[in-house]
Amino acid sequence: MKRLAQGIVLSLAATLAAGSVFAYPNDPHYVKQTVTTTEWRVGHAVPPEHFRRAHAVDYRHYKRLHHPARHQQWYQVNPHKYVLVNTDNHRVIKVVHR
């Protein structure tokens, strides 16, 4: 009986100790994990950081980029990838690899 009580106490102590290891969003040591890569696929929404004019490109200076229609803009998302975005709803229309 003594060994059973000792086992229960130790397992309860281990459970409580493990629970305090996890950080919650209101904890100052909590670090929110963010995704650093984006899967550029047709229909996906473009993150707001890519709406800056610095990422917008003129299609005439690049091969394989056609003239965008009204409410469309080409954006360079990495050195070898361009996406055509609908400027009204910020959805990807086309992805071009250079």
PDB file of N, CA and C in Angstrom:
ATOM      1  N   MET A   1       0.827  -1.190   0.000  1.00  0.00           N
ATOM      2  CA  MET A   1       0.000   0.000   0.000  1.00  0.00           C
ATOM      3  C   MET A   1       0.868   1.250   0.000  1.00  0.00           C
ATOM      4  N   LYS A   2       1.982   1.196   0.737  1.00  0.00           N
ATOM      5  CA  LYS A   2       2.880   2.333   0.792  1.00  0.00           C
ATOM      6  C   LYS A   2       3.476   2.600  -0.589  1.00  0.00           C
ATOM      7  N   ARG A   3       3.825   1.538  -1.309  1.00  0.00           N
ATOM      8  CA  ARG A   3       4.400   1.686  -2.637  1.00  0.00           C
ATOM      9  C   ARG A   3       3.368   2.255  -3.622  1.00  0.00           C
ATOM     10  N   LEU A   4       2.109   1.873  -3.500  1.00  0.00           N
ATOM     11  CA  LEU A   4       1.043   2.389  -4.354  1.00  0.00           C
ATOM     12  C   LEU A   4       0.840   3.885  -4.114  1.00  0.00           C
ATOM     13  N   ALA A   5       0.813   4.290  -2.859  1.00  0.00           N
ATOM     14  CA  ALA A   5       0.656   5.703  -2.521  1.00  0.00           C
ATOM     15  C   ALA A   5       1.842   6.510  -3.027  1.00  0.00           C
ATOM     16  N   GLN A   6       3.033   5.949  -2.895  1.00  0.00           N
ATOM     17  CA  GLN A   6       4.234   6.636  -3.357  1.00  0.00           C
ATOM     18  C   GLN A   6       4.199   6.782  -4.896  1.00  0.00           C
ATOM     19  N   GLY A   7       3.719   5.779  -5.608  1.00  0.00           N
ATOM     20  CA  GLY A   7       3.607   5.840  -7.070  1.00  0.00           C
ATOM     21  C   GLY A   7       2.605   6.894  -7.520  1.00  0.00           C
ATOM     22  N   ILE A   8       1.485   6.975  -6.808  1.00  0.00           N
ATOM     23  CA  ILE A   8       0.463   7.965  -7.143  1.00  0.00           C
ATOM     24  C   ILE A   8       0.993   9.376  -6.912  1.00  0.00           C
ATOM     25  N   VAL A   9       1.679   9.583  -5.797  1.00  0.00           N
ATOM     26  CA  VAL A   9       2.232  10.901  -5.473  1.00  0.00           C
ATOM     27  C   VAL A   9       3.278  11.306  -6.510  1.00  0.00           C
ATOM     28  N   LEU A  10       4.146  10.376  -6.897  1.00  0.00           N
ATOM     29  CA  LEU A  10       5.177  10.697  -7.881  1.00  0.00           C
ATOM     30  C   LEU A  10       4.585  10.991  -9.257  1.00  0.00           C
ATOM     31  N   SER A  11       3.585  10.237  -9.673  1.00  0.00           N
ATOM     32  CA  SER A  11       2.974  10.485 -10.978  1.00  0.00           C
ATOM     33  C   SER A  11       2.217  11.812 -10.980  1.00  0.00           C
ATOM     34  N   LEU A  12       1.557  12.148  -9.856  1.00  0.00           N
ATOM     35  CA  LEU A  12       0.862  13.425  -9.743  1.00  0.00           C
ATOM     36  C   LEU A  12       1.858  14.582  -9.767  1.00  0.00           C
ATOM     37  N   ALA A  13       2.973  14.433  -9.079  1.00  0.00           N
ATOM     38  CA  ALA A  13       4.004  15.474  -9.063  1.00  0.00           C
ATOM     39  C   ALA A  13       4.602  15.666 -10.460  1.00  0.00           C
ATOM     40  N   ALA A  14       4.843  14.579 -11.182  1.00  0.00           N
ATOM     41  CA  ALA A  14       5.392  14.676 -12.531  1.00  0.00           C
ATOM     42  C   ALA A  14       4.408  15.361 -13.476  1.00  0.00           C
ATOM     43  N   THR A  15       3.128  15.073 -13.325  1.00  0.00           N
ATOM     44  CA  THR A  15       2.113  15.694 -14.165  1.00  0.00           C
ATOM     45  C   THR A  15       2.039  17.194 -13.911  1.00  0.00           C
ATOM     46  N   LEU A  16       2.069  17.608 -12.667  1.00  0.00           N
ATOM     47  CA  LEU A  16       2.021  19.026 -12.340  1.00  0.00           C
ATOM     48  C   LEU A  16       3.273  19.754 -12.804  1.00  0.00           C
ATOM     49  N   ALA A  17       4.426  19.108 -12.670  1.00  0.00           N
ATOM     50  CA  ALA A  17       5.675  19.729 -13.108  1.00  0.00           C
ATOM     51  C   ALA A  17       5.700  19.883 -14.624  1.00  0.00           C
ATOM     52  N   ALA A  18       5.209  18.898 -15.362  1.00  0.00           N
ATOM     53  CA  ALA A  18       5.196  18.974 -16.821  1.00  0.00           C
ATOM     54  C   ALA A  18       4.213  20.025 -17.305  1.00  0.00           C
ATOM     55  N   GLY A  19       3.129  20.230 -16.606  1.00  0.00           N
ATOM     56  CA  GLY A  19       2.135  21.227 -16.995  1.00  0.00           C
ATOM     57  C   GLY A  19       2.660  22.641 -16.892  1.00  0.00           C
ATOM     58  N   SER A  20       3.585  22.902 -15.990  1.00  0.00           N
ATOM     59  CA  SER A  20       4.112  24.250 -15.832  1.00  0.00           C
ATOM     60  C   SER A  20       5.162  24.579 -16.876  1.00  0.00           C
ATOM     61  N   VAL A  21       5.611  23.590 -17.640  1.00  0.00           N
ATOM     62  CA  VAL A  21       6.617  23.823 -18.671  1.00  0.00           C
ATOM     63  C   VAL A  21       6.006  24.525 -19.879  1.00  0.00           C
ATOM     64  N   PHE A  22       4.752  24.254 -20.190  1.00  0.00           N
ATOM     65  CA  PHE A  22       4.119  24.826 -21.367  1.00  0.00           C
ATOM     66  C   PHE A  22       3.800  26.299 -21.141  1.00  0.00           C
ATOM     67  N   ALA A  23       4.153  27.132 -22.127  1.00  0.00           N
ATOM     68  CA  ALA A  23       3.902  28.568 -22.038  1.00  0.00           C
ATOM     69  C   ALA A  23       2.585  28.897 -22.726  1.00  0.00           C
ATOM     70  N   TYR A  24       1.879  29.832 -22.192  1.00  0.00           N
ATOM     71  CA  TYR A  24       0.603  30.264 -22.748  1.00  0.00           C
ATOM     72  C   TYR A  24       0.768  31.656 -23.344  1.00  0.00           C
ATOM     73  N   PRO A  25      -0.150  32.097 -24.226  1.00  0.00           N
ATOM     74  CA  PRO A  25      -0.007  33.399 -24.870  1.00  0.00           C
ATOM     75  C   PRO A  25       0.094  34.581 -23.910  1.00  0.00           C
ATOM     76  N   ASN A  26      -0.454  34.493 -22.726  1.00  0.00           N
ATOM     77  CA  ASN A  26      -0.344  35.608 -21.793  1.00  0.00           C
ATOM     78  C   ASN A  26       0.947  35.546 -20.978  1.00  0.00           C
ATOM     79  N   ASP A  27       1.751  34.526 -21.191  1.00  0.00           N
ATOM     80  CA  ASP A  27       3.037  34.380 -20.520  1.00  0.00           C
ATOM     81  C   ASP A  27       4.068  35.243 -21.258  1.00  0.00           C
ATOM     82  N   PRO A  28       4.879  36.057 -20.553  1.00  0.00           N
ATOM     83  CA  PRO A  28       5.854  36.914 -21.242  1.00  0.00           C
ATOM     84  C   PRO A  28       6.941  36.125 -21.977  1.00  0.00           C
ATOM     85  N   HIS A  29       7.120  34.861 -21.658  1.00  0.00           N
ATOM     86  CA  HIS A  29       8.143  34.049 -22.320  1.00  0.00           C
ATOM     87  C   HIS A  29       7.588  33.299 -23.532  1.00  0.00           C
ATOM     88  N   TYR A  30       6.309  33.490 -23.822  1.00  0.00           N
ATOM     89  CA  TYR A  30       5.672  32.803 -24.946  1.00  0.00           C
ATOM     90  C   TYR A  30       6.113  33.457 -26.251  1.00  0.00           C
ATOM     91  N   VAL A  31       6.547  32.654 -27.208  1.00  0.00           N
ATOM     92  CA  VAL A  31       6.946  33.148 -28.523  1.00  0.00           C
ATOM     93  C   VAL A  31       6.003  32.549 -29.552  1.00  0.00           C
ATOM     94  N   LYS A  32       5.315  33.410 -30.264  1.00  0.00           N
ATOM     95  CA  LYS A  32       4.370  32.930 -31.273  1.00  0.00           C
ATOM     96  C   LYS A  32       5.148  32.399 -32.470  1.00  0.00           C
ATOM     97  N   GLN A  33       4.807  31.205 -32.914  1.00  0.00           N
ATOM     98  CA  GLN A  33       5.480  30.601 -34.047  1.00  0.00           C
ATOM     99  C   GLN A  33       4.821  31.097 -35.318  1.00  0.00           C
ATOM    100  N   THR A  34       5.626  31.591 -36.231  1.00  0.00           N
ATOM    101  CA  THR A  34       5.098  32.064 -37.499  1.00  0.00           C
ATOM    102  C   THR A  34       5.689  31.254 -38.633  1.00  0.00           C
ATOM    103  N   VAL A  35       4.952  31.170 -39.679  1.00  0.00           N
ATOM    104  CA  VAL A  35       5.419  30.453 -40.862  1.00  0.00           C
ATOM    105  C   VAL A  35       6.246  31.410 -41.686  1.00  0.00           C
ATOM    106  N   THR A  36       7.462  31.001 -42.043  1.00  0.00           N
ATOM    107  CA  THR A  36       8.342  31.895 -42.789  1.00  0.00           C
ATOM    108  C   THR A  36       8.251  31.690 -44.288  1.00  0.00           C
ATOM    109  N   THR A  37       7.726  30.582 -44.733  1.00  0.00           N
ATOM    110  CA  THR A  37       7.595  30.348 -46.157  1.00  0.00           C
ATOM    111  C   THR A  37       6.125  30.358 -46.539  1.00  0.00           C
ATOM    112  N   THR A  38       5.870  30.751 -47.740  1.00  0.00           N
ATOM    113  CA  THR A  38       4.503  30.801 -48.206  1.00  0.00           C
ATOM    114  C   THR A  38       4.362  29.908 -49.427  1.00  0.00           C
ATOM    115  N   GLU A  39       3.354  29.102 -49.428  1.00  0.00           N
ATOM    116  CA  GLU A  39       3.024  28.298 -50.594  1.00  0.00           C
ATOM    117  C   GLU A  39       2.208  29.187 -51.524  1.00  0.00           C
ATOM    118  N   TRP A  40       2.794  29.580 -52.628  1.00  0.00           N
ATOM    119  CA  TRP A  40       2.095  30.443 -53.566  1.00  0.00           C
ATOM    120  C   TRP A  40       1.278  29.576 -54.509  1.00  0.00           C
ATOM    121  N   ARG A  41      -0.020  29.557 -54.293  1.00  0.00           N
ATOM    122  CA  ARG A  41      -0.928  28.764 -55.114  1.00  0.00           C
ATOM    123  C   ARG A  41      -2.098  29.626 -55.569  1.00  0.00           C
ATOM    124  N   VAL A  42      -2.623  29.271 -56.708  1.00  0.00           N
ATOM    125  CA  VAL A  42      -3.760  30.004 -57.261  1.00  0.00           C
ATOM    126  C   VAL A  42      -4.938  29.929 -56.287  1.00  0.00           C
ATOM    127  N   GLY A  43      -5.528  31.079 -56.015  1.00  0.00           N
ATOM    128  CA  GLY A  43      -6.673  31.159 -55.122  1.00  0.00           C
ATOM    129  C   GLY A  43      -6.320  31.519 -53.691  1.00  0.00           C
ATOM    130  N   HIS A  44      -5.045  31.390 -53.298  1.00  0.00           N
ATOM    131  CA  HIS A  44      -4.650  31.742 -51.935  1.00  0.00           C
ATOM    132  C   HIS A  44      -4.563  33.254 -51.786  1.00  0.00           C
ATOM    133  N   ALA A  45      -4.772  33.728 -50.572  1.00  0.00           N
ATOM    134  CA  ALA A  45      -4.659  35.150 -50.280  1.00  0.00           C
ATOM    135  C   ALA A  45      -3.190  35.523 -50.098  1.00  0.00           C
ATOM    136  N   VAL A  46      -2.833  36.709 -50.554  1.00  0.00           N
ATOM    137  CA  VAL A  46      -1.464  37.204 -50.436  1.00  0.00           C
ATOM    138  C   VAL A  46      -1.324  37.920 -49.096  1.00  0.00           C
ATOM    139  N   PRO A  47      -0.258  37.624 -48.315  1.00  0.00           N
ATOM    140  CA  PRO A  47      -0.058  38.320 -47.039  1.00  0.00           C
ATOM    141  C   PRO A  47       0.130  39.825 -47.242  1.00  0.00           C
ATOM    142  N   PRO A  48      -0.289  40.636 -46.297  1.00  0.00           N
ATOM    143  CA  PRO A  48      -0.222  42.097 -46.444  1.00  0.00           C
ATOM    144  C   PRO A  48       1.187  42.648 -46.655  1.00  0.00           C
ATOM    145  N   GLU A  49       2.219  41.988 -46.175  1.00  0.00           N
ATOM    146  CA  GLU A  49       3.574  42.516 -46.337  1.00  0.00           C
ATOM    147  C   GLU A  49       4.021  42.535 -47.797  1.00  0.00           C
ATOM    148  N   HIS A  50       3.320  41.846 -48.680  1.00  0.00           N
ATOM    149  CA  HIS A  50       3.684  41.837 -50.089  1.00  0.00           C
ATOM    150  C   HIS A  50       2.927  42.883 -50.898  1.00  0.00           C
ATOM    151  N   PHE A  51       2.123  43.718 -50.270  1.00  0.00           N
ATOM    152  CA  PHE A  51       1.376  44.740 -50.991  1.00  0.00           C
ATOM    153  C   PHE A  51       2.180  46.016 -51.193  1.00  0.00           C
ATOM    154  N   ARG A  52       3.353  46.102 -50.612  1.00  0.00           N
ATOM    155  CA  ARG A  52       4.163  47.307 -50.768  1.00  0.00           C
ATOM    156  C   ARG A  52       4.522  47.499 -52.236  1.00  0.00           C
ATOM    157  N   ARG A  53       4.713  48.722 -52.632  1.00  0.00           N
ATOM    158  CA  ARG A  53       5.060  49.017 -54.018  1.00  0.00           C
ATOM    159  C   ARG A  53       6.437  48.452 -54.376  1.00  0.00           C
ATOM    160  N   ALA A  54       7.299  48.222 -53.403  1.00  0.00           N
ATOM    161  CA  ALA A  54       8.629  47.680 -53.681  1.00  0.00           C
ATOM    162  C   ALA A  54       8.543  46.291 -54.296  1.00  0.00           C
ATOM    163  N   HIS A  55       7.497  45.536 -53.996  1.00  0.00           N
ATOM    164  CA  HIS A  55       7.344  44.189 -54.533  1.00  0.00           C
ATOM    165  C   HIS A  55       6.626  44.176 -55.875  1.00  0.00           C
ATOM    166  N   ALA A  56       5.944  45.263 -56.209  1.00  0.00           N
ATOM    167  CA  ALA A  56       5.231  45.333 -57.483  1.00  0.00           C
ATOM    168  C   ALA A  56       6.249  45.473 -58.612  1.00  0.00           C
ATOM    169  N   VAL A  57       6.029  44.762 -59.720  1.00  0.00           N
ATOM    170  CA  VAL A  57       6.953  44.816 -60.849  1.00  0.00           C
ATOM    171  C   VAL A  57       6.205  45.215 -62.113  1.00  0.00           C
ATOM    172  N   ASP A  58       6.944  45.808 -63.044  1.00  0.00           N
ATOM    173  CA  ASP A  58       6.397  46.163 -64.341  1.00  0.00           C
ATOM    174  C   ASP A  58       6.589  44.975 -65.275  1.00  0.00           C
ATOM    175  N   TYR A  59       5.524  44.471 -65.816  1.00  0.00           N
ATOM    176  CA  TYR A  59       5.574  43.249 -66.619  1.00  0.00           C
ATOM    177  C   TYR A  59       6.446  43.414 -67.868  1.00  0.00           C
ATOM    178  N   ARG A  60       6.644  44.644 -68.352  1.00  0.00           N
ATOM    179  CA  ARG A  60       7.412  44.871 -69.580  1.00  0.00           C
ATOM    180  C   ARG A  60       8.896  44.588 -69.406  1.00  0.00           C
ATOM    181  N   HIS A  61       9.378  44.600 -68.174  1.00  0.00           N
ATOM    182  CA  HIS A  61      10.800  44.377 -67.921  1.00  0.00           C
ATOM    183  C   HIS A  61      11.147  42.907 -67.695  1.00  0.00           C
ATOM    184  N   TYR A  62      10.162  42.033 -67.726  1.00  0.00           N
ATOM    185  CA  TYR A  62      10.393  40.617 -67.433  1.00  0.00           C
ATOM    186  C   TYR A  62       9.764  39.750 -68.516  1.00  0.00           C
ATOM    187  N   LYS A  63      10.489  38.731 -68.928  1.00  0.00           N
ATOM    188  CA  LYS A  63       9.931  37.765 -69.872  1.00  0.00           C
ATOM    189  C   LYS A  63       8.905  36.907 -69.150  1.00  0.00           C
ATOM    190  N   ARG A  64       7.998  36.356 -69.904  1.00  0.00           N
ATOM    191  CA  ARG A  64       6.976  35.433 -69.403  1.00  0.00           C
ATOM    192  C   ARG A  64       5.909  36.097 -68.539  1.00  0.00           C
ATOM    193  N   LEU A  65       5.933  37.405 -68.400  1.00  0.00           N
ATOM    194  CA  LEU A  65       4.867  38.093 -67.661  1.00  0.00           C
ATOM    195  C   LEU A  65       3.999  38.825 -68.666  1.00  0.00           C
ATOM    196  N   HIS A  66       2.742  38.446 -68.749  1.00  0.00           N
ATOM    197  CA  HIS A  66       1.839  39.083 -69.702  1.00  0.00           C
ATOM    198  C   HIS A  66       1.242  40.347 -69.101  1.00  0.00           C
ATOM    199  N   HIS A  67       0.599  41.120 -69.965  1.00  0.00           N
ATOM    200  CA  HIS A  67      -0.036  42.365 -69.545  1.00  0.00           C
ATOM    201  C   HIS A  67      -1.169  42.050 -68.569  1.00  0.00           C
ATOM    202  N   PRO A  68      -1.138  42.610 -67.357  1.00  0.00           N
ATOM    203  CA  PRO A  68      -2.215  42.324 -66.400  1.00  0.00           C
ATOM    204  C   PRO A  68      -3.496  43.063 -66.798  1.00  0.00           C
ATOM    205  N   ALA A  69      -4.604  42.434 -66.535  1.00  0.00           N
ATOM    206  CA  ALA A  69      -5.899  43.049 -66.802  1.00  0.00           C
ATOM    207  C   ALA A  69      -6.199  44.099 -65.730  1.00  0.00           C
ATOM    208  N   ARG A  70      -7.343  44.702 -65.839  1.00  0.00           N
ATOM    209  CA  ARG A  70      -7.756  45.701 -64.859  1.00  0.00           C
ATOM    210  C   ARG A  70      -7.880  45.050 -63.476  1.00  0.00           C
ATOM    211  N   HIS A  71      -7.436  45.750 -62.435  1.00  0.00           N
ATOM    212  CA  HIS A  71      -7.454  45.282 -61.044  1.00  0.00           C
ATOM    213  C   HIS A  71      -6.539  44.070 -60.842  1.00  0.00           C
ATOM    214  N   GLN A  72      -5.450  44.013 -61.596  1.00  0.00           N
ATOM    215  CA  GLN A  72      -4.453  42.956 -61.425  1.00  0.00           C
ATOM    216  C   GLN A  72      -3.070  43.584 -61.374  1.00  0.00           C
ATOM    217  N   GLN A  73      -2.167  42.972 -60.626  1.00  0.00           N
ATOM    218  CA  GLN A  73      -0.807  43.482 -60.477  1.00  0.00           C
ATOM    219  C   GLN A  73       0.152  42.314 -60.306  1.00  0.00           C
ATOM    220  N   TRP A  74       1.319  42.407 -60.953  1.00  0.00           N
ATOM    221  CA  TRP A  74       2.363  41.409 -60.764  1.00  0.00           C
ATOM    222  C   TRP A  74       3.197  41.794 -59.546  1.00  0.00           C
ATOM    223  N   TYR A  75       3.529  40.802 -58.711  1.00  0.00           N
ATOM    224  CA  TYR A  75       4.389  41.004 -57.551  1.00  0.00           C
ATOM    225  C   TYR A  75       5.515  39.977 -57.585  1.00  0.00           C
ATOM    226  N   GLN A  76       6.707  40.427 -57.213  1.00  0.00           N
ATOM    227  CA  GLN A  76       7.840  39.508 -57.083  1.00  0.00           C
ATOM    228  C   GLN A  76       7.882  39.045 -55.635  1.00  0.00           C
ATOM    229  N   VAL A  77       7.751  37.732 -55.419  1.00  0.00           N
ATOM    230  CA  VAL A  77       7.683  37.209 -54.055  1.00  0.00           C
ATOM    231  C   VAL A  77       8.996  36.581 -53.597  1.00  0.00           C
ATOM    232  N   ASN A  78       9.867  36.241 -54.525  1.00  0.00           N
ATOM    233  CA  ASN A  78      11.243  35.860 -54.230  1.00  0.00           C
ATOM    234  C   ASN A  78      12.027  36.052 -55.516  1.00  0.00           C
ATOM    235  N   PRO A  79      13.340  35.880 -55.514  1.00  0.00           N
ATOM    236  CA  PRO A  79      14.122  36.224 -56.709  1.00  0.00           C
ATOM    237  C   PRO A  79      13.698  35.511 -58.001  1.00  0.00           C
ATOM    238  N   HIS A  80      13.056  34.380 -57.917  1.00  0.00           N
ATOM    239  CA  HIS A  80      12.712  33.636 -59.119  1.00  0.00           C
ATOM    240  C   HIS A  80      11.224  33.332 -59.248  1.00  0.00           C
ATOM    241  N   LYS A  81      10.375  34.012 -58.503  1.00  0.00           N
ATOM    242  CA  LYS A  81       8.947  33.699 -58.544  1.00  0.00           C
ATOM    243  C   LYS A  81       8.127  34.988 -58.555  1.00  0.00           C
ATOM    244  N   TYR A  82       7.130  35.005 -59.440  1.00  0.00           N
ATOM    245  CA  TYR A  82       6.239  36.146 -59.584  1.00  0.00           C
ATOM    246  C   TYR A  82       4.802  35.651 -59.475  1.00  0.00           C
ATOM    247  N   VAL A  83       3.948  36.464 -58.872  1.00  0.00           N
ATOM    248  CA  VAL A  83       2.541  36.105 -58.769  1.00  0.00           C
ATOM    249  C   VAL A  83       1.694  37.250 -59.312  1.00  0.00           C
ATOM    250  N   LEU A  84       0.646  36.883 -60.029  1.00  0.00           N
ATOM    251  CA  LEU A  84      -0.328  37.846 -60.507  1.00  0.00           C
ATOM    252  C   LEU A  84      -1.465  37.864 -59.491  1.00  0.00           C
ATOM    253  N   VAL A  85      -1.756  39.050 -58.958  1.00  0.00           N
ATOM    254  CA  VAL A  85      -2.693  39.172 -57.846  1.00  0.00           C
ATOM    255  C   VAL A  85      -3.859  40.071 -58.257  1.00  0.00           C
ATOM    256  N   ASN A  86      -5.047  39.670 -57.866  1.00  0.00           N
ATOM    257  CA  ASN A  86      -6.228  40.506 -58.010  1.00  0.00           C
ATOM    258  C   ASN A  86      -6.160  41.561 -56.910  1.00  0.00           C
ATOM    259  N   THR A  87      -6.107  42.834 -57.282  1.00  0.00           N
ATOM    260  CA  THR A  87      -5.941  43.900 -56.286  1.00  0.00           C
ATOM    261  C   THR A  87      -7.211  44.190 -55.496  1.00  0.00           C
ATOM    262  N   ASP A  88      -8.347  43.659 -55.938  1.00  0.00           N
ATOM    263  CA  ASP A  88      -9.595  43.871 -55.189  1.00  0.00           C
ATOM    264  C   ASP A  88      -9.712  42.931 -53.995  1.00  0.00           C
ATOM    265  N   ASN A  89      -9.435  41.648 -54.213  1.00  0.00           N
ATOM    266  CA  ASN A  89      -9.593  40.678 -53.117  1.00  0.00           C
ATOM    267  C   ASN A  89      -8.265  40.059 -52.672  1.00  0.00           C
ATOM    268  N   HIS A  90      -7.146  40.477 -53.295  1.00  0.00           N
ATOM    269  CA  HIS A  90      -5.787  40.029 -52.923  1.00  0.00           C
ATOM    270  C   HIS A  90      -5.618  38.522 -53.030  1.00  0.00           C
ATOM    271  N   ARG A  91      -6.186  37.927 -54.052  1.00  0.00           N
ATOM    272  CA  ARG A  91      -6.041  36.495 -54.307  1.00  0.00           C
ATOM    273  C   ARG A  91      -5.084  36.281 -55.467  1.00  0.00           C
ATOM    274  N   VAL A  92      -4.322  35.190 -55.397  1.00  0.00           N
ATOM    275  CA  VAL A  92      -3.373  34.851 -56.452  1.00  0.00           C
ATOM    276  C   VAL A  92      -4.140  34.330 -57.662  1.00  0.00           C
ATOM    277  N   ILE A  93      -3.817  34.896 -58.824  1.00  0.00           N
ATOM    278  CA  ILE A  93      -4.439  34.475 -60.075  1.00  0.00           C
ATOM    279  C   ILE A  93      -3.519  33.513 -60.821  1.00  0.00           C
ATOM    280  N   LYS A  94      -2.214  33.816 -60.827  1.00  0.00           N
ATOM    281  CA  LYS A  94      -1.259  33.000 -61.559  1.00  0.00           C
ATOM    282  C   LYS A  94       0.093  33.071 -60.880  1.00  0.00           C
ATOM    283  N   VAL A  95       0.857  31.976 -60.951  1.00  0.00           N
ATOM    284  CA  VAL A  95       2.215  31.907 -60.402  1.00  0.00           C
ATOM    285  C   VAL A  95       3.161  31.592 -61.546  1.00  0.00           C
ATOM    286  N   VAL A  96       4.243  32.380 -61.667  1.00  0.00           N
ATOM    287  CA  VAL A  96       5.227  32.170 -62.736  1.00  0.00           C
ATOM    288  C   VAL A  96       6.591  31.990 -62.102  1.00  0.00           C
ATOM    289  N   HIS A  97       7.278  30.897 -62.481  1.00  0.00           N
ATOM    290  CA  HIS A  97       8.663  30.667 -62.056  1.00  0.00           C
ATOM    291  C   HIS A  97       9.571  31.123 -63.177  1.00  0.00           C
ATOM    292  N   ARG A  98      10.595  31.855 -62.837  1.00  0.00           N
ATOM    293  CA  ARG A  98      11.512  32.374 -63.846  1.00  0.00           C
ATOM    294  C   ARG A  98      12.712  31.490 -63.952  1.00  0.00           C
TER     295      ARG A  98
END
